[in-house]
Amino acid sequence: MMWELLQITILRTNSKIVGTHTFRKFFQPPNSHHLKLSKRSLWLSQIFLQRIPTLTLL
């Protein structure tokens, strides 16, 4: 409860700064570097999953 009240107070105090930063970050399109990392991690996870032997039910 105290934590929530503290957060509300901070947001009220810095509403313009917090609001501007939040909306800018929310509506900003992802950059290409992030997309490249996402595609690479997806590719690596697919390779990893292909190499795990499948379990057979007895």
PDB file of N, CA and C in Angstrom:
ATOM      1  N   MET A   1       0.825  -1.189   0.000  1.00  0.00           N
ATOM      2  CA  MET A   1       0.000   0.000   0.000  1.00  0.00           C
ATOM      3  C   MET A   1       0.873   1.259   0.000  1.00  0.00           C
ATOM      4  N   MET A   2       1.860   1.282   0.870  1.00  0.00           N
ATOM      5  CA  MET A   2       2.752   2.444   0.902  1.00  0.00           C
ATOM      6  C   MET A   2       3.510   2.585  -0.412  1.00  0.00           C
ATOM      7  N   TRP A   3       3.895   1.441  -0.994  1.00  0.00           N
ATOM      8  CA  TRP A   3       4.621   1.468  -2.262  1.00  0.00           C
ATOM      9  C   TRP A   3       3.762   2.101  -3.352  1.00  0.00           C
ATOM     10  N   GLU A   4       2.469   1.721  -3.386  1.00  0.00           N
ATOM     11  CA  GLU A   4       1.567   2.279  -4.389  1.00  0.00           C
ATOM     12  C   GLU A   4       1.400   3.784  -4.194  1.00  0.00           C
ATOM     13  N   LEU A   5       1.256   4.209  -2.950  1.00  0.00           N
ATOM     14  CA  LEU A   5       1.110   5.642  -2.687  1.00  0.00           C
ATOM     15  C   LEU A   5       2.363   6.406  -3.098  1.00  0.00           C
ATOM     16  N   LEU A   6       3.521   5.821  -2.833  1.00  0.00           N
ATOM     17  CA  LEU A   6       4.776   6.456  -3.229  1.00  0.00           C
ATOM     18  C   LEU A   6       4.860   6.576  -4.749  1.00  0.00           C
ATOM     19  N   GLN A   7       4.473   5.511  -5.464  1.00  0.00           N
ATOM     20  CA  GLN A   7       4.514   5.544  -6.924  1.00  0.00           C
ATOM     21  C   GLN A   7       3.555   6.592  -7.479  1.00  0.00           C
ATOM     22  N   ILE A   8       2.357   6.678  -6.901  1.00  0.00           N
ATOM     23  CA  ILE A   8       1.382   7.682  -7.354  1.00  0.00           C
ATOM     24  C   ILE A   8       1.935   9.086  -7.135  1.00  0.00           C
ATOM     25  N   THR A   9       2.560   9.304  -5.993  1.00  0.00           N
ATOM     26  CA  THR A   9       3.145  10.615  -5.698  1.00  0.00           C
ATOM     27  C   THR A   9       4.244  10.960  -6.691  1.00  0.00           C
ATOM     28  N   ILE A  10       5.101   9.982  -6.990  1.00  0.00           N
ATOM     29  CA  ILE A  10       6.190  10.214  -7.947  1.00  0.00           C
ATOM     30  C   ILE A  10       5.624  10.514  -9.329  1.00  0.00           C
ATOM     31  N   LEU A  11       4.621   9.758  -9.753  1.00  0.00           N
ATOM     32  CA  LEU A  11       4.027   9.986 -11.072  1.00  0.00           C
ATOM     33  C   LEU A  11       3.346  11.349 -11.146  1.00  0.00           C
ATOM     34  N   ARG A  12       2.686  11.748 -10.078  1.00  0.00           N
ATOM     35  CA  ARG A  12       2.057  13.074 -10.073  1.00  0.00           C
ATOM     36  C   ARG A  12       3.105  14.172 -10.124  1.00  0.00           C
ATOM     37  N   THR A  13       4.196  13.974  -9.400  1.00  0.00           N
ATOM     38  CA  THR A  13       5.249  14.984  -9.354  1.00  0.00           C
ATOM     39  C   THR A  13       5.927  15.132 -10.707  1.00  0.00           C
ATOM     40  N   ASN A  14       6.194  14.014 -11.356  1.00  0.00           N
ATOM     41  CA  ASN A  14       6.936  14.028 -12.621  1.00  0.00           C
ATOM     42  C   ASN A  14       6.041  13.657 -13.797  1.00  0.00           C
ATOM     43  N   SER A  15       4.774  14.034 -13.754  1.00  0.00           N
ATOM     44  CA  SER A  15       3.826  13.552 -14.756  1.00  0.00           C
ATOM     45  C   SER A  15       4.225  13.915 -16.181  1.00  0.00           C
ATOM     46  N   LYS A  16       4.717  15.105 -16.396  1.00  0.00           N
ATOM     47  CA  LYS A  16       5.073  15.499 -17.758  1.00  0.00           C
ATOM     48  C   LYS A  16       6.271  14.704 -18.255  1.00  0.00           C
ATOM     49  N   ILE A  17       7.282  14.559 -17.430  1.00  0.00           N
ATOM     50  CA  ILE A  17       8.486  13.825 -17.844  1.00  0.00           C
ATOM     51  C   ILE A  17       8.166  12.354 -18.049  1.00  0.00           C
ATOM     52  N   VAL A  18       7.499  11.739 -17.077  1.00  0.00           N
ATOM     53  CA  VAL A  18       7.181  10.315 -17.156  1.00  0.00           C
ATOM     54  C   VAL A  18       6.243  10.043 -18.321  1.00  0.00           C
ATOM     55  N   GLY A  19       5.216  10.876 -18.473  1.00  0.00           N
ATOM     56  CA  GLY A  19       4.261  10.682 -19.562  1.00  0.00           C
ATOM     57  C   GLY A  19       4.915  10.795 -20.923  1.00  0.00           C
ATOM     58  N   THR A  20       5.749  11.793 -21.111  1.00  0.00           N
ATOM     59  CA  THR A  20       6.432  11.968 -22.392  1.00  0.00           C
ATOM     60  C   THR A  20       7.339  10.791 -22.685  1.00  0.00           C
ATOM     61  N   HIS A  21       8.099  10.358 -21.699  1.00  0.00           N
ATOM     62  CA  HIS A  21       9.027   9.245 -21.901  1.00  0.00           C
ATOM     63  C   HIS A  21       8.271   7.959 -22.203  1.00  0.00           C
ATOM     64  N   THR A  22       7.187   7.700 -21.465  1.00  0.00           N
ATOM     65  CA  THR A  22       6.416   6.469 -21.654  1.00  0.00           C
ATOM     66  C   THR A  22       5.806   6.424 -23.046  1.00  0.00           C
ATOM     67  N   PHE A  23       5.151   7.510 -23.463  1.00  0.00           N
ATOM     68  CA  PHE A  23       4.502   7.503 -24.767  1.00  0.00           C
ATOM     69  C   PHE A  23       5.512   7.447 -25.901  1.00  0.00           C
ATOM     70  N   ARG A  24       6.636   8.117 -25.748  1.00  0.00           N
ATOM     71  CA  ARG A  24       7.653   8.084 -26.789  1.00  0.00           C
ATOM     72  C   ARG A  24       8.172   6.656 -26.952  1.00  0.00           C
ATOM     73  N   LYS A  25       8.422   5.988 -25.839  1.00  0.00           N
ATOM     74  CA  LYS A  25       8.953   4.634 -25.891  1.00  0.00           C
ATOM     75  C   LYS A  25       7.899   3.663 -26.427  1.00  0.00           C
ATOM     76  N   PHE A  26       6.631   3.877 -26.082  1.00  0.00           N
ATOM     77  CA  PHE A  26       5.559   2.976 -26.504  1.00  0.00           C
ATOM     78  C   PHE A  26       5.296   3.070 -28.000  1.00  0.00           C
ATOM     79  N   PHE A  27       5.284   4.291 -28.535  1.00  0.00           N
ATOM     80  CA  PHE A  27       4.937   4.473 -29.941  1.00  0.00           C
ATOM     81  C   PHE A  27       6.139   4.438 -30.875  1.00  0.00           C
ATOM     82  N   GLN A  28       7.334   4.395 -30.335  1.00  0.00           N
ATOM     83  CA  GLN A  28       8.529   4.390 -31.178  1.00  0.00           C
ATOM     84  C   GLN A  28       8.673   3.025 -31.854  1.00  0.00           C
ATOM     85  N   PRO A  29       8.850   2.991 -33.171  1.00  0.00           N
ATOM     86  CA  PRO A  29       9.022   1.698 -33.843  1.00  0.00           C
ATOM     87  C   PRO A  29      10.345   1.057 -33.435  1.00  0.00           C
ATOM     88  N   PRO A  30      10.381  -0.267 -33.373  1.00  0.00           N
ATOM     89  CA  PRO A  30      11.632  -0.929 -32.991  1.00  0.00           C
ATOM     90  C   PRO A  30      12.714  -0.685 -34.032  1.00  0.00           C
ATOM     91  N   ASN A  31      13.935  -0.548 -33.575  1.00  0.00           N
ATOM     92  CA  ASN A  31      15.024  -0.308 -34.521  1.00  0.00           C
ATOM     93  C   ASN A  31      15.486  -1.617 -35.151  1.00  0.00           C
ATOM     94  N   SER A  32      16.206  -1.517 -36.238  1.00  0.00           N
ATOM     95  CA  SER A  32      16.604  -2.700 -37.001  1.00  0.00           C
ATOM     96  C   SER A  32      17.572  -3.573 -36.213  1.00  0.00           C
ATOM     97  N   HIS A  33      18.393  -2.968 -35.347  1.00  0.00           N
ATOM     98  CA  HIS A  33      19.343  -3.752 -34.553  1.00  0.00           C
ATOM     99  C   HIS A  33      18.597  -4.717 -33.638  1.00  0.00           C
ATOM    100  N   HIS A  34      17.507  -4.246 -33.031  1.00  0.00           N
ATOM    101  CA  HIS A  34      16.711  -5.100 -32.151  1.00  0.00           C
ATOM    102  C   HIS A  34      16.073  -6.238 -32.947  1.00  0.00           C
ATOM    103  N   LEU A  35      15.579  -5.929 -34.143  1.00  0.00           N
ATOM    104  CA  LEU A  35      14.957  -6.965 -34.965  1.00  0.00           C
ATOM    105  C   LEU A  35      15.969  -8.014 -35.391  1.00  0.00           C
ATOM    106  N   LYS A  36      17.197  -7.584 -35.707  1.00  0.00           N
ATOM    107  CA  LYS A  36      18.231  -8.539 -36.092  1.00  0.00           C
ATOM    108  C   LYS A  36      18.544  -9.485 -34.941  1.00  0.00           C
ATOM    109  N   LEU A  37      18.630  -8.938 -33.729  1.00  0.00           N
ATOM    110  CA  LEU A  37      18.896  -9.780 -32.567  1.00  0.00           C
ATOM    111  C   LEU A  37      17.746 -10.750 -32.322  1.00  0.00           C
ATOM    112  N   SER A  38      16.523 -10.294 -32.510  1.00  0.00           N
ATOM    113  CA  SER A  38      15.367 -11.154 -32.298  1.00  0.00           C
ATOM    114  C   SER A  38      15.354 -12.298 -33.301  1.00  0.00           C
ATOM    115  N   LYS A  39      15.636 -11.990 -34.570  1.00  0.00           N
ATOM    116  CA  LYS A  39      15.655 -13.035 -35.591  1.00  0.00           C
ATOM    117  C   LYS A  39      16.761 -14.040 -35.314  1.00  0.00           C
ATOM    118  N   ARG A  40      17.914 -13.549 -34.878  1.00  0.00           N
ATOM    119  CA  ARG A  40      19.035 -14.443 -34.587  1.00  0.00           C
ATOM    120  C   ARG A  40      18.713 -15.345 -33.398  1.00  0.00           C
ATOM    121  N   SER A  41      18.130 -14.803 -32.348  1.00  0.00           N
ATOM    122  CA  SER A  41      17.800 -15.628 -31.189  1.00  0.00           C
ATOM    123  C   SER A  41      16.726 -16.652 -31.537  1.00  0.00           C
ATOM    124  N   LEU A  42      15.770 -16.283 -32.390  1.00  0.00           N
ATOM    125  CA  LEU A  42      14.759 -17.237 -32.834  1.00  0.00           C
ATOM    126  C   LEU A  42      15.401 -18.358 -33.636  1.00  0.00           C
ATOM    127  N   TRP A  43      16.309 -18.007 -34.524  1.00  0.00           N
ATOM    128  CA  TRP A  43      17.008 -18.993 -35.342  1.00  0.00           C
ATOM    129  C   TRP A  43      17.811 -19.947 -34.461  1.00  0.00           C
ATOM    130  N   LEU A  44      18.542 -19.405 -33.470  1.00  0.00           N
ATOM    131  CA  LEU A  44      19.340 -20.242 -32.574  1.00  0.00           C
ATOM    132  C   LEU A  44      18.462 -21.160 -31.736  1.00  0.00           C
ATOM    133  N   SER A  45      17.323 -20.673 -31.285  1.00  0.00           N
ATOM    134  CA  SER A  45      16.438 -21.523 -30.486  1.00  0.00           C
ATOM    135  C   SER A  45      15.846 -22.640 -31.336  1.00  0.00           C
ATOM    136  N   GLN A  46      15.563 -22.376 -32.612  1.00  0.00           N
ATOM    137  CA  GLN A  46      15.046 -23.426 -33.488  1.00  0.00           C
ATOM    138  C   GLN A  46      16.096 -24.507 -33.704  1.00  0.00           C
ATOM    139  N   ILE A  47      17.346 -24.111 -33.903  1.00  0.00           N
ATOM    140  CA  ILE A  47      18.424 -25.086 -34.075  1.00  0.00           C
ATOM    141  C   ILE A  47      18.585 -25.915 -32.808  1.00  0.00           C
ATOM    142  N   PHE A  48      18.538 -25.258 -31.662  1.00  0.00           N
ATOM    143  CA  PHE A  48      18.682 -25.961 -30.389  1.00  0.00           C
ATOM    144  C   PHE A  48      17.569 -26.986 -30.211  1.00  0.00           C
ATOM    145  N   LEU A  49      16.332 -26.592 -30.519  1.00  0.00           N
ATOM    146  CA  LEU A  49      15.206 -27.507 -30.353  1.00  0.00           C
ATOM    147  C   LEU A  49      15.272 -28.676 -31.329  1.00  0.00           C
ATOM    148  N   GLN A  50      15.832 -28.469 -32.511  1.00  0.00           N
ATOM    149  CA  GLN A  50      15.955 -29.555 -33.477  1.00  0.00           C
ATOM    150  C   GLN A  50      16.962 -30.598 -33.019  1.00  0.00           C
ATOM    151  N   ARG A  51      17.949 -30.176 -32.251  1.00  0.00           N
ATOM    152  CA  ARG A  51      18.994 -31.102 -31.824  1.00  0.00           C
ATOM    153  C   ARG A  51      18.617 -31.897 -30.582  1.00  0.00           C
ATOM    154  N   ILE A  52      17.579 -31.491 -29.880  1.00  0.00           N
ATOM    155  CA  ILE A  52      17.141 -32.243 -28.704  1.00  0.00           C
ATOM    156  C   ILE A  52      16.408 -33.491 -29.194  1.00  0.00           C
ATOM    157  N   PRO A  53      16.824 -34.666 -28.733  1.00  0.00           N
ATOM    158  CA  PRO A  53      16.122 -35.881 -29.176  1.00  0.00           C
ATOM    159  C   PRO A  53      14.681 -35.885 -28.653  1.00  0.00           C
ATOM    160  N   THR A  54      13.790 -36.361 -29.458  1.00  0.00           N
ATOM    161  CA  THR A  54      12.388 -36.393 -29.047  1.00  0.00           C
ATOM    162  C   THR A  54      12.170 -37.515 -28.046  1.00  0.00           C
ATOM    163  N   LEU A  55      11.298 -37.268 -27.111  1.00  0.00           N
ATOM    164  CA  LEU A  55      10.997 -38.268 -26.092  1.00  0.00           C
ATOM    165  C   LEU A  55       9.895 -39.184 -26.603  1.00  0.00           C
ATOM    166  N   THR A  56      10.041 -40.443 -26.351  1.00  0.00           N
ATOM    167  CA  THR A  56       9.000 -41.387 -26.754  1.00  0.00           C
ATOM    168  C   THR A  56       8.285 -41.884 -25.516  1.00  0.00           C
ATOM    169  N   LEU A  57       7.005 -42.011 -25.615  1.00  0.00           N
ATOM    170  CA  LEU A  57       6.216 -42.505 -24.492  1.00  0.00           C
ATOM    171  C   LEU A  57       6.272 -44.019 -24.464  1.00  0.00           C
ATOM    172  N   LEU A  58       6.451 -44.575 -23.297  1.00  0.00           N
ATOM    173  CA  LEU A  58       6.518 -46.040 -23.157  1.00  0.00           C
ATOM    174  C   LEU A  58       5.154 -46.618 -22.937  1.00  0.00           C
TER     175      LEU A  58
END
